[in-house]
Amino acid sequence: MRKRLGLMIALTVLAGCAALVAVMLGHVAHNDIGLTRLEIRHSALIASAVIAVLLVT
């Protein structure tokens, strides 16, 4: 039971960190680099598809 709880906490922290990094990268891309929200969205979709394919294989 403790092991499962520890795993769930670790996965929650990992997901939270990933979301925070994604928000920070989006902010930098939009405000510093000057990409539009649509360009960021398309790039994120392509990147997530590549990551999903790599995780599945």
PDB file of N, CA and C in Angstrom:
ATOM      1  N   MET A   1       0.818  -1.191   0.000  1.00  0.00           N
ATOM      2  CA  MET A   1       0.000   0.000   0.000  1.00  0.00           C
ATOM      3  C   MET A   1       0.867   1.263   0.000  1.00  0.00           C
ATOM      4  N   ARG A   2       1.903   1.280   0.841  1.00  0.00           N
ATOM      5  CA  ARG A   2       2.781   2.451   0.908  1.00  0.00           C
ATOM      6  C   ARG A   2       3.527   2.638  -0.410  1.00  0.00           C
ATOM      7  N   LYS A   3       3.920   1.522  -1.017  1.00  0.00           N
ATOM      8  CA  LYS A   3       4.662   1.600  -2.278  1.00  0.00           C
ATOM      9  C   LYS A   3       3.790   2.207  -3.377  1.00  0.00           C
ATOM     10  N   ARG A   4       2.531   1.808  -3.414  1.00  0.00           N
ATOM     11  CA  ARG A   4       1.606   2.331  -4.419  1.00  0.00           C
ATOM     12  C   ARG A   4       1.344   3.821  -4.193  1.00  0.00           C
ATOM     13  N   LEU A   5       1.195   4.214  -2.939  1.00  0.00           N
ATOM     14  CA  LEU A   5       0.988   5.622  -2.610  1.00  0.00           C
ATOM     15  C   LEU A   5       2.205   6.455  -3.016  1.00  0.00           C
ATOM     16  N   GLY A   6       3.398   5.930  -2.752  1.00  0.00           N
ATOM     17  CA  GLY A   6       4.621   6.621  -3.151  1.00  0.00           C
ATOM     18  C   GLY A   6       4.717   6.774  -4.655  1.00  0.00           C
ATOM     19  N   LEU A   7       4.300   5.752  -5.382  1.00  0.00           N
ATOM     20  CA  LEU A   7       4.318   5.817  -6.848  1.00  0.00           C
ATOM     21  C   LEU A   7       3.328   6.852  -7.364  1.00  0.00           C
ATOM     22  N   MET A   8       2.148   6.911  -6.765  1.00  0.00           N
ATOM     23  CA  MET A   8       1.143   7.889  -7.180  1.00  0.00           C
ATOM     24  C   MET A   8       1.609   9.316  -6.894  1.00  0.00           C
ATOM     25  N   ILE A   9       2.254   9.518  -5.754  1.00  0.00           N
ATOM     26  CA  ILE A   9       2.773  10.850  -5.430  1.00  0.00           C
ATOM     27  C   ILE A   9       3.871  11.236  -6.403  1.00  0.00           C
ATOM     28  N   ALA A  10       4.751  10.301  -6.724  1.00  0.00           N
ATOM     29  CA  ALA A  10       5.838  10.579  -7.658  1.00  0.00           C
ATOM     30  C   ALA A  10       5.296  10.925  -9.044  1.00  0.00           C
ATOM     31  N   LEU A  11       4.293  10.201  -9.512  1.00  0.00           N
ATOM     32  CA  LEU A  11       3.712  10.488 -10.823  1.00  0.00           C
ATOM     33  C   LEU A  11       2.990  11.830 -10.835  1.00  0.00           C
ATOM     34  N   THR A  12       2.349  12.181  -9.728  1.00  0.00           N
ATOM     35  CA  THR A  12       1.672  13.470  -9.626  1.00  0.00           C
ATOM     36  C   THR A  12       2.677  14.617  -9.666  1.00  0.00           C
ATOM     37  N   VAL A  13       3.771  14.476  -8.950  1.00  0.00           N
ATOM     38  CA  VAL A  13       4.814  15.501  -8.963  1.00  0.00           C
ATOM     39  C   VAL A  13       5.431  15.613 -10.349  1.00  0.00           C
ATOM     40  N   LEU A  14       5.662  14.495 -10.996  1.00  0.00           N
ATOM     41  CA  LEU A  14       6.227  14.496 -12.341  1.00  0.00           C
ATOM     42  C   LEU A  14       5.294  15.183 -13.338  1.00  0.00           C
ATOM     43  N   ALA A  15       4.009  14.890 -13.256  1.00  0.00           N
ATOM     44  CA  ALA A  15       3.040  15.526 -14.157  1.00  0.00           C
ATOM     45  C   ALA A  15       2.950  17.024 -13.892  1.00  0.00           C
ATOM     46  N   GLY A  16       2.997  17.413 -12.635  1.00  0.00           N
ATOM     47  CA  GLY A  16       2.965  18.838 -12.289  1.00  0.00           C
ATOM     48  C   GLY A  16       4.188  19.574 -12.809  1.00  0.00           C
ATOM     49  N   CYS A  17       5.345  18.957 -12.682  1.00  0.00           N
ATOM     50  CA  CYS A  17       6.576  19.574 -13.197  1.00  0.00           C
ATOM     51  C   CYS A  17       6.530  19.696 -14.717  1.00  0.00           C
ATOM     52  N   ALA A  18       6.020  18.683 -15.388  1.00  0.00           N
ATOM     53  CA  ALA A  18       5.921  18.730 -16.844  1.00  0.00           C
ATOM     54  C   ALA A  18       4.976  19.838 -17.289  1.00  0.00           C
ATOM     55  N   ALA A  19       3.875  20.001 -16.583  1.00  0.00           N
ATOM     56  CA  ALA A  19       2.932  21.068 -16.922  1.00  0.00           C
ATOM     57  C   ALA A  19       3.557  22.439 -16.696  1.00  0.00           C
ATOM     58  N   LEU A  20       4.301  22.591 -15.618  1.00  0.00           N
ATOM     59  CA  LEU A  20       4.963  23.861 -15.335  1.00  0.00           C
ATOM     60  C   LEU A  20       6.000  24.199 -16.403  1.00  0.00           C
ATOM     61  N   VAL A  21       6.767  23.223 -16.820  1.00  0.00           N
ATOM     62  CA  VAL A  21       7.756  23.447 -17.883  1.00  0.00           C
ATOM     63  C   VAL A  21       7.066  23.812 -19.187  1.00  0.00           C
ATOM     64  N   ALA A  22       5.953  23.162 -19.501  1.00  0.00           N
ATOM     65  CA  ALA A  22       5.225  23.471 -20.728  1.00  0.00           C
ATOM     66  C   ALA A  22       4.703  24.904 -20.721  1.00  0.00           C
ATOM     67  N   VAL A  23       4.183  25.344 -19.577  1.00  0.00           N
ATOM     68  CA  VAL A  23       3.688  26.713 -19.471  1.00  0.00           C
ATOM     69  C   VAL A  23       4.834  27.714 -19.615  1.00  0.00           C
ATOM     70  N   MET A  24       5.963  27.420 -18.985  1.00  0.00           N
ATOM     71  CA  MET A  24       7.119  28.321 -19.076  1.00  0.00           C
ATOM     72  C   MET A  24       7.644  28.413 -20.502  1.00  0.00           C
ATOM     73  N   LEU A  25       7.728  27.283 -21.187  1.00  0.00           N
ATOM     74  CA  LEU A  25       8.186  27.299 -22.576  1.00  0.00           C
ATOM     75  C   LEU A  25       7.213  28.050 -23.481  1.00  0.00           C
ATOM     76  N   GLY A  26       5.921  27.883 -23.238  1.00  0.00           N
ATOM     77  CA  GLY A  26       4.926  28.621 -24.006  1.00  0.00           C
ATOM     78  C   GLY A  26       5.031  30.114 -23.784  1.00  0.00           C
ATOM     79  N   HIS A  27       5.280  30.511 -22.552  1.00  0.00           N
ATOM     80  CA  HIS A  27       5.439  31.929 -22.234  1.00  0.00           C
ATOM     81  C   HIS A  27       6.660  32.512 -22.942  1.00  0.00           C
ATOM     82  N   VAL A  28       7.769  31.812 -22.897  1.00  0.00           N
ATOM     83  CA  VAL A  28       8.988  32.285 -23.568  1.00  0.00           C
ATOM     84  C   VAL A  28       8.780  32.355 -25.076  1.00  0.00           C
ATOM     85  N   ALA A  29       8.152  31.332 -25.638  1.00  0.00           N
ATOM     86  CA  ALA A  29       7.934  31.321 -27.089  1.00  0.00           C
ATOM     87  C   ALA A  29       7.015  32.450 -27.520  1.00  0.00           C
ATOM     88  N   HIS A  30       6.020  32.756 -26.706  1.00  0.00           N
ATOM     89  CA  HIS A  30       5.060  33.790 -27.084  1.00  0.00           C
ATOM     90  C   HIS A  30       5.603  35.194 -26.837  1.00  0.00           C
ATOM     91  N   ASN A  31       6.172  35.431 -25.669  1.00  0.00           N
ATOM     92  CA  ASN A  31       6.575  36.782 -25.299  1.00  0.00           C
ATOM     93  C   ASN A  31       7.980  37.153 -25.761  1.00  0.00           C
ATOM     94  N   ASP A  32       8.926  36.227 -25.713  1.00  0.00           N
ATOM     95  CA  ASP A  32      10.302  36.559 -26.063  1.00  0.00           C
ATOM     96  C   ASP A  32      10.606  36.320 -27.537  1.00  0.00           C
ATOM     97  N   ILE A  33      10.160  35.201 -28.065  1.00  0.00           N
ATOM     98  CA  ILE A  33      10.465  34.862 -29.461  1.00  0.00           C
ATOM     99  C   ILE A  33       9.464  35.494 -30.411  1.00  0.00           C
ATOM    100  N   GLY A  34       8.231  35.667 -29.960  1.00  0.00           N
ATOM    101  CA  GLY A  34       7.231  36.337 -30.770  1.00  0.00           C
ATOM    102  C   GLY A  34       6.341  35.425 -31.595  1.00  0.00           C
ATOM    103  N   LEU A  35       6.288  34.150 -31.228  1.00  0.00           N
ATOM    104  CA  LEU A  35       5.400  33.232 -31.940  1.00  0.00           C
ATOM    105  C   LEU A  35       3.959  33.483 -31.534  1.00  0.00           C
ATOM    106  N   THR A  36       3.049  33.258 -32.471  1.00  0.00           N
ATOM    107  CA  THR A  36       1.632  33.396 -32.141  1.00  0.00           C
ATOM    108  C   THR A  36       1.166  32.155 -31.389  1.00  0.00           C
ATOM    109  N   ARG A  37       0.019  32.267 -30.752  1.00  0.00           N
ATOM    110  CA  ARG A  37      -0.531  31.124 -30.013  1.00  0.00           C
ATOM    111  C   ARG A  37      -0.810  29.948 -30.947  1.00  0.00           C
ATOM    112  N   LEU A  38      -1.245  30.243 -32.162  1.00  0.00           N
ATOM    113  CA  LEU A  38      -1.538  29.178 -33.120  1.00  0.00           C
ATOM    114  C   LEU A  38      -0.274  28.435 -33.517  1.00  0.00           C
ATOM    115  N   GLU A  39       0.812  29.154 -33.731  1.00  0.00           N
ATOM    116  CA  GLU A  39       2.083  28.504 -34.080  1.00  0.00           C
ATOM    117  C   GLU A  39       2.582  27.634 -32.929  1.00  0.00           C
ATOM    118  N   ILE A  40       2.417  28.113 -31.717  1.00  0.00           N
ATOM    119  CA  ILE A  40       2.832  27.331 -30.558  1.00  0.00           C
ATOM    120  C   ILE A  40       1.979  26.073 -30.453  1.00  0.00           C
ATOM    121  N   ARG A  41       0.683  26.197 -30.696  1.00  0.00           N
ATOM    122  CA  ARG A  41      -0.225  25.062 -30.588  1.00  0.00           C
ATOM    123  C   ARG A  41       0.118  23.977 -31.601  1.00  0.00           C
ATOM    124  N   HIS A  42       0.423  24.368 -32.843  1.00  0.00           N
ATOM    125  CA  HIS A  42       0.776  23.383 -33.864  1.00  0.00           C
ATOM    126  C   HIS A  42       2.093  22.692 -33.523  1.00  0.00           C
ATOM    127  N   SER A  43       3.066  23.447 -33.050  1.00  0.00           N
ATOM    128  CA  SER A  43       4.346  22.854 -32.668  1.00  0.00           C
ATOM    129  C   SER A  43       4.176  21.890 -31.504  1.00  0.00           C
ATOM    130  N   ALA A  44       3.345  22.260 -30.542  1.00  0.00           N
ATOM    131  CA  ALA A  44       3.105  21.391 -29.386  1.00  0.00           C
ATOM    132  C   ALA A  44       2.404  20.104 -29.808  1.00  0.00           C
ATOM    133  N   LEU A  45       1.484  20.194 -30.746  1.00  0.00           N
ATOM    134  CA  LEU A  45       0.785  19.004 -31.230  1.00  0.00           C
ATOM    135  C   LEU A  45       1.756  18.048 -31.917  1.00  0.00           C
ATOM    136  N   ILE A  46       2.624  18.582 -32.743  1.00  0.00           N
ATOM    137  CA  ILE A  46       3.606  17.747 -33.431  1.00  0.00           C
ATOM    138  C   ILE A  46       4.570  17.117 -32.430  1.00  0.00           C
ATOM    139  N   ALA A  47       5.050  17.913 -31.472  1.00  0.00           N
ATOM    140  CA  ALA A  47       5.984  17.387 -30.470  1.00  0.00           C
ATOM    141  C   ALA A  47       5.335  16.303 -29.618  1.00  0.00           C
ATOM    142  N   SER A  48       4.078  16.495 -29.235  1.00  0.00           N
ATOM    143  CA  SER A  48       3.405  15.482 -28.421  1.00  0.00           C
ATOM    144  C   SER A  48       3.175  14.197 -29.212  1.00  0.00           C
ATOM    145  N   ALA A  49       2.921  14.304 -30.498  1.00  0.00           N
ATOM    146  CA  ALA A  49       2.761  13.114 -31.331  1.00  0.00           C
ATOM    147  C   ALA A  49       4.075  12.344 -31.426  1.00  0.00           C
ATOM    148  N   VAL A  50       5.175  13.053 -31.578  1.00  0.00           N
ATOM    149  CA  VAL A  50       6.489  12.388 -31.646  1.00  0.00           C
ATOM    150  C   VAL A  50       6.800  11.704 -30.324  1.00  0.00           C
ATOM    151  N   ILE A  51       6.550  12.381 -29.214  1.00  0.00           N
ATOM    152  CA  ILE A  51       6.818  11.790 -27.905  1.00  0.00           C
ATOM    153  C   ILE A  51       5.943  10.563 -27.676  1.00  0.00           C
ATOM    154  N   ALA A  52       4.669  10.636 -28.088  1.00  0.00           N
ATOM    155  CA  ALA A  52       3.769   9.490 -27.924  1.00  0.00           C
ATOM    156  C   ALA A  52       4.248   8.288 -28.729  1.00  0.00           C
ATOM    157  N   VAL A  53       4.712   8.530 -29.952  1.00  0.00           N
ATOM    158  CA  VAL A  53       5.221   7.431 -30.788  1.00  0.00           C
ATOM    159  C   VAL A  53       6.454   6.814 -30.161  1.00  0.00           C
ATOM    160  N   LEU A  54       7.337   7.648 -29.618  1.00  0.00           N
ATOM    161  CA  LEU A  54       8.541   7.126 -28.982  1.00  0.00           C
ATOM    162  C   LEU A  54       8.210   6.332 -27.722  1.00  0.00           C
ATOM    163  N   LEU A  55       7.204   6.747 -26.982  1.00  0.00           N
ATOM    164  CA  LEU A  55       6.822   6.005 -25.777  1.00  0.00           C
ATOM    165  C   LEU A  55       6.167   4.675 -26.111  1.00  0.00           C
ATOM    166  N   VAL A  56       5.440   4.624 -27.195  1.00  0.00           N
ATOM    167  CA  VAL A  56       4.735   3.388 -27.552  1.00  0.00           C
ATOM    168  C   VAL A  56       5.704   2.335 -28.073  1.00  0.00           C
ATOM    169  N   THR A  57       6.702   2.775 -28.815  1.00  0.00           N
ATOM    170  CA  THR A  57       7.630   1.796 -29.406  1.00  0.00           C
ATOM    171  C   THR A  57       8.717   1.394 -28.473  1.00  0.00           C
TER     172      THR A  57
END
